[in-house]
Amino acid sequence: MAMKYVTRGRFAVPLDRDEVTRDWRARGYSCGLFTDPPGREWTDFVHGCNELVTVLEGGLEVTVGGESGTIGPGDEVFIPRDTLHSVRNVHRATTRWLYGYD
């Protein structure tokens, strides 16, 4: 499914966390890491800033502004400020993913 907030293959796989950090910092974003077990959900969040998300390992289902899809390593999601969003680990194992705020 094509999502307007997703850039497929934004980063080369396997992902280099330092490369993502440098890229995001150059664009004015922080870069943090979440490590989530299978089924872990972060539901119905809204932030007063823009957010970026990319998967290091595993897979996520993301919902941004009512539009849902699955992302994997190398894909980048842009979540606009003040937009309702959720993230769920849909991988059969642990998913490691990066998030950043501007």
N, C-alpha and C. Protein backbone atom coordinates (compact mmCIF):
# COMPACT_ATOMS: atom_id res chain seq x y z
N MET A 1 0.84 -1.18 0.00
CA MET A 1 0.00 0.00 0.00
C MET A 1 0.89 1.25 0.00
N ALA A 2 0.64 2.17 -0.87
CA ALA A 2 1.39 3.42 -0.90
C ALA A 2 0.77 4.39 0.11
N MET A 3 1.62 4.94 0.93
CA MET A 3 1.18 5.93 1.91
C MET A 3 1.86 7.25 1.57
N LYS A 4 1.11 8.35 1.63
CA LYS A 4 1.69 9.64 1.26
C LYS A 4 2.78 10.09 2.22
N TYR A 5 2.83 9.54 3.43
CA TYR A 5 3.83 9.95 4.41
C TYR A 5 5.06 9.05 4.43
N VAL A 6 5.13 8.05 3.56
CA VAL A 6 6.23 7.08 3.56
C VAL A 6 7.12 7.29 2.33
N THR A 7 8.43 7.29 2.56
CA THR A 7 9.41 7.26 1.48
C THR A 7 10.05 5.88 1.52
N ARG A 8 9.71 5.04 0.57
CA ARG A 8 10.24 3.68 0.51
C ARG A 8 11.72 3.71 0.12
N GLY A 9 12.52 2.91 0.82
CA GLY A 9 13.93 2.79 0.49
C GLY A 9 14.73 4.06 0.69
N ARG A 10 14.32 4.90 1.62
CA ARG A 10 15.04 6.18 1.87
C ARG A 10 16.49 5.93 2.25
N PHE A 11 16.74 4.84 3.00
CA PHE A 11 18.09 4.49 3.44
C PHE A 11 18.46 3.10 2.91
N ALA A 12 19.75 2.93 2.60
CA ALA A 12 20.25 1.64 2.12
C ALA A 12 20.18 0.59 3.23
N VAL A 13 19.90 -0.65 2.85
CA VAL A 13 19.81 -1.77 3.78
C VAL A 13 21.03 -2.65 3.57
N PRO A 14 21.69 -3.14 4.62
CA PRO A 14 21.33 -2.94 6.03
C PRO A 14 21.58 -1.50 6.47
N LEU A 15 20.71 -1.03 7.34
CA LEU A 15 20.78 0.34 7.79
C LEU A 15 21.99 0.59 8.67
N ASP A 16 22.58 1.75 8.48
CA ASP A 16 23.67 2.22 9.32
C ASP A 16 23.09 3.31 10.21
N ARG A 17 22.96 3.01 11.50
CA ARG A 17 22.32 3.95 12.43
C ARG A 17 23.04 5.30 12.43
N ASP A 18 24.36 5.28 12.35
CA ASP A 18 25.11 6.55 12.33
C ASP A 18 24.77 7.38 11.10
N GLU A 19 24.56 6.72 9.97
CA GLU A 19 24.20 7.43 8.74
C GLU A 19 22.83 8.10 8.91
N VAL A 20 21.88 7.37 9.46
CA VAL A 20 20.55 7.93 9.69
C VAL A 20 20.64 9.12 10.65
N THR A 21 21.40 8.96 11.72
CA THR A 21 21.56 10.04 12.70
C THR A 21 22.13 11.29 12.03
N ARG A 22 23.18 11.13 11.23
CA ARG A 22 23.78 12.28 10.53
C ARG A 22 22.77 12.93 9.58
N ASP A 23 22.05 12.12 8.84
CA ASP A 23 21.05 12.63 7.89
C ASP A 23 19.98 13.42 8.62
N TRP A 24 19.43 12.84 9.67
CA TRP A 24 18.36 13.51 10.40
C TRP A 24 18.85 14.77 11.09
N ARG A 25 20.01 14.73 11.69
CA ARG A 25 20.54 15.93 12.35
C ARG A 25 20.75 17.06 11.35
N ALA A 26 21.21 16.72 10.14
CA ALA A 26 21.38 17.73 9.09
C ALA A 26 20.03 18.34 8.69
N ARG A 27 18.96 17.60 8.90
CA ARG A 27 17.61 18.06 8.59
C ARG A 27 16.91 18.66 9.82
N GLY A 28 17.62 18.74 10.95
CA GLY A 28 17.08 19.37 12.15
C GLY A 28 16.32 18.44 13.08
N TYR A 29 16.56 17.12 12.99
CA TYR A 29 15.85 16.14 13.82
C TYR A 29 16.80 15.46 14.80
N SER A 30 16.24 15.06 15.94
CA SER A 30 16.96 14.20 16.88
C SER A 30 16.92 12.78 16.34
N CYS A 31 17.54 11.84 17.07
CA CYS A 31 17.49 10.44 16.65
C CYS A 31 17.61 9.55 17.87
N GLY A 32 16.52 8.84 18.19
CA GLY A 32 16.49 7.92 19.32
C GLY A 32 16.11 6.53 18.85
N LEU A 33 16.28 5.55 19.73
CA LEU A 33 16.03 4.15 19.40
C LEU A 33 14.95 3.55 20.30
N PHE A 34 14.02 2.83 19.69
CA PHE A 34 13.07 1.98 20.41
C PHE A 34 13.37 0.53 20.04
N THR A 35 13.27 -0.36 21.02
CA THR A 35 13.39 -1.80 20.80
C THR A 35 12.12 -2.42 21.35
N ASP A 36 11.28 -2.93 20.45
CA ASP A 36 9.96 -3.40 20.83
C ASP A 36 9.77 -4.89 20.56
N PRO A 37 9.18 -5.61 21.52
CA PRO A 37 8.86 -7.02 21.31
C PRO A 37 7.69 -7.16 20.34
N PRO A 38 7.46 -8.36 19.83
CA PRO A 38 6.33 -8.58 18.92
C PRO A 38 5.02 -8.11 19.55
N GLY A 39 4.22 -7.41 18.75
CA GLY A 39 2.90 -6.97 19.20
C GLY A 39 2.90 -5.65 19.97
N ARG A 40 4.06 -5.11 20.34
CA ARG A 40 4.10 -3.86 21.09
C ARG A 40 3.45 -2.75 20.28
N GLU A 41 2.58 -1.96 20.93
CA GLU A 41 1.87 -0.87 20.26
C GLU A 41 2.10 0.45 20.97
N TRP A 42 2.23 1.50 20.19
CA TRP A 42 2.24 2.88 20.66
C TRP A 42 1.03 3.51 19.97
N THR A 43 -0.04 3.74 20.73
CA THR A 43 -1.33 4.07 20.13
C THR A 43 -1.77 5.51 20.39
N ASP A 44 -2.26 6.15 19.33
CA ASP A 44 -2.92 7.45 19.40
C ASP A 44 -2.08 8.55 20.05
N PHE A 45 -0.93 8.81 19.44
CA PHE A 45 -0.05 9.89 19.90
C PHE A 45 -0.22 11.12 19.02
N VAL A 46 -0.03 12.28 19.61
CA VAL A 46 0.00 13.55 18.89
C VAL A 46 1.14 14.36 19.50
N HIS A 47 2.01 14.91 18.65
CA HIS A 47 3.11 15.74 19.12
C HIS A 47 3.00 17.13 18.51
N GLY A 48 3.52 18.11 19.20
CA GLY A 48 3.53 19.48 18.71
C GLY A 48 4.73 19.77 17.82
N CYS A 49 5.36 18.73 17.31
CA CYS A 49 6.50 18.87 16.39
C CYS A 49 6.41 17.76 15.35
N ASN A 50 7.17 17.90 14.28
CA ASN A 50 7.22 16.85 13.26
C ASN A 50 8.07 15.68 13.77
N GLU A 51 7.78 14.49 13.25
CA GLU A 51 8.51 13.29 13.66
C GLU A 51 8.91 12.49 12.44
N LEU A 52 10.07 11.82 12.50
CA LEU A 52 10.50 10.86 11.50
C LEU A 52 10.64 9.50 12.16
N VAL A 53 10.35 8.43 11.41
CA VAL A 53 10.48 7.05 11.89
C VAL A 53 11.11 6.23 10.77
N THR A 54 12.06 5.36 11.14
CA THR A 54 12.59 4.38 10.19
C THR A 54 12.92 3.09 10.95
N VAL A 55 12.81 1.97 10.30
CA VAL A 55 13.04 0.66 10.90
C VAL A 55 14.49 0.23 10.65
N LEU A 56 15.18 -0.17 11.73
CA LEU A 56 16.51 -0.76 11.60
C LEU A 56 16.39 -2.25 11.28
N GLU A 57 15.58 -2.96 12.09
CA GLU A 57 15.36 -4.40 11.94
C GLU A 57 13.92 -4.71 12.28
N GLY A 58 13.27 -5.53 11.48
CA GLY A 58 11.91 -5.95 11.77
C GLY A 58 10.90 -5.29 10.87
N GLY A 59 9.73 -4.98 11.43
CA GLY A 59 8.66 -4.37 10.66
C GLY A 59 7.65 -3.69 11.55
N LEU A 60 7.10 -2.59 11.07
CA LEU A 60 6.10 -1.83 11.81
C LEU A 60 4.88 -1.58 10.95
N GLU A 61 3.73 -1.58 11.58
CA GLU A 61 2.54 -1.03 10.97
C GLU A 61 2.40 0.37 11.53
N VAL A 62 2.28 1.35 10.65
CA VAL A 62 2.13 2.73 11.08
C VAL A 62 0.79 3.27 10.58
N THR A 63 0.18 4.08 11.42
CA THR A 63 -1.04 4.78 11.04
C THR A 63 -0.79 6.26 11.27
N VAL A 64 -0.92 7.05 10.21
CA VAL A 64 -0.70 8.49 10.28
C VAL A 64 -1.91 9.18 9.68
N GLY A 65 -2.61 9.95 10.51
CA GLY A 65 -3.78 10.67 10.01
C GLY A 65 -4.83 9.77 9.41
N GLY A 66 -5.00 8.56 9.96
CA GLY A 66 -6.01 7.62 9.48
C GLY A 66 -5.56 6.73 8.33
N GLU A 67 -4.36 6.93 7.81
CA GLU A 67 -3.83 6.14 6.71
C GLU A 67 -2.82 5.13 7.28
N SER A 68 -3.02 3.83 6.99
CA SER A 68 -2.16 2.78 7.56
C SER A 68 -1.39 2.02 6.49
N GLY A 69 -0.23 1.51 6.91
CA GLY A 69 0.59 0.68 6.04
C GLY A 69 1.72 0.07 6.83
N THR A 70 2.44 -0.84 6.20
CA THR A 70 3.56 -1.53 6.84
C THR A 70 4.86 -1.00 6.26
N ILE A 71 5.85 -0.79 7.15
CA ILE A 71 7.17 -0.35 6.71
C ILE A 71 8.22 -1.32 7.21
N GLY A 72 9.33 -1.36 6.49
CA GLY A 72 10.45 -2.21 6.86
C GLY A 72 11.74 -1.42 6.83
N PRO A 73 12.86 -2.11 7.00
CA PRO A 73 14.16 -1.45 7.01
C PRO A 73 14.37 -0.58 5.77
N GLY A 74 14.85 0.64 6.01
CA GLY A 74 15.13 1.56 4.92
C GLY A 74 14.02 2.52 4.58
N ASP A 75 12.79 2.20 4.96
CA ASP A 75 11.65 3.09 4.70
C ASP A 75 11.63 4.19 5.76
N GLU A 76 11.21 5.38 5.36
CA GLU A 76 11.11 6.51 6.30
C GLU A 76 9.68 7.03 6.31
N VAL A 77 9.17 7.29 7.51
CA VAL A 77 7.83 7.85 7.67
C VAL A 77 7.97 9.27 8.21
N PHE A 78 7.26 10.20 7.60
CA PHE A 78 7.16 11.57 8.09
C PHE A 78 5.81 11.71 8.77
N ILE A 79 5.82 12.14 10.02
CA ILE A 79 4.58 12.34 10.78
C ILE A 79 4.48 13.84 11.07
N PRO A 80 3.54 14.55 10.42
CA PRO A 80 3.42 15.98 10.64
C PRO A 80 2.97 16.32 12.06
N ARG A 81 3.41 17.46 12.54
CA ARG A 81 3.00 17.91 13.88
C ARG A 81 1.48 17.92 13.99
N ASP A 82 1.01 17.67 15.18
CA ASP A 82 -0.42 17.70 15.51
C ASP A 82 -1.25 16.67 14.74
N THR A 83 -0.61 15.59 14.29
CA THR A 83 -1.30 14.53 13.55
C THR A 83 -1.37 13.26 14.40
N LEU A 84 -2.56 12.72 14.57
CA LEU A 84 -2.76 11.48 15.33
C LEU A 84 -2.03 10.34 14.62
N HIS A 85 -1.24 9.57 15.39
CA HIS A 85 -0.49 8.46 14.79
C HIS A 85 -0.29 7.33 15.79
N SER A 86 -0.09 6.13 15.24
CA SER A 86 0.15 4.92 16.03
C SER A 86 1.20 4.07 15.33
N VAL A 87 1.91 3.26 16.12
CA VAL A 87 2.95 2.37 15.61
C VAL A 87 2.80 1.02 16.30
N ARG A 88 2.91 -0.08 15.53
CA ARG A 88 2.80 -1.42 16.11
C ARG A 88 3.84 -2.33 15.47
N ASN A 89 4.54 -3.09 16.32
CA ASN A 89 5.49 -4.09 15.82
C ASN A 89 4.70 -5.26 15.26
N VAL A 90 4.80 -5.46 13.96
CA VAL A 90 4.10 -6.57 13.29
C VAL A 90 5.06 -7.69 12.91
N HIS A 91 6.32 -7.54 13.32
CA HIS A 91 7.34 -8.56 13.02
C HIS A 91 7.20 -9.71 14.02
N ARG A 92 7.60 -10.89 13.64
CA ARG A 92 7.49 -12.06 14.52
C ARG A 92 8.52 -12.04 15.65
N ALA A 93 9.47 -11.13 15.54
CA ALA A 93 10.52 -10.99 16.55
C ALA A 93 10.64 -9.52 16.95
N THR A 94 11.67 -9.21 17.69
CA THR A 94 11.92 -7.84 18.12
C THR A 94 12.12 -6.92 16.92
N THR A 95 11.55 -5.73 16.98
CA THR A 95 11.79 -4.70 15.98
C THR A 95 12.55 -3.57 16.64
N ARG A 96 13.62 -3.14 15.97
CA ARG A 96 14.40 -1.98 16.42
C ARG A 96 14.13 -0.86 15.42
N TRP A 97 13.72 0.29 15.94
CA TRP A 97 13.40 1.40 15.05
C TRP A 97 13.84 2.72 15.64
N LEU A 98 14.10 3.66 14.73
CA LEU A 98 14.56 5.00 15.10
C LEU A 98 13.42 5.99 14.96
N TYR A 99 13.43 6.99 15.83
CA TYR A 99 12.46 8.07 15.77
C TYR A 99 13.21 9.37 16.03
N GLY A 100 12.72 10.45 15.47
CA GLY A 100 13.34 11.74 15.70
C GLY A 100 12.31 12.86 15.62
N TYR A 101 12.56 13.91 16.39
CA TYR A 101 11.68 15.10 16.43
C TYR A 101 12.46 16.32 15.99
N ASP A 102 11.75 17.25 15.32
CA ASP A 102 12.42 18.50 14.92
C ASP A 102 12.26 19.57 15.97
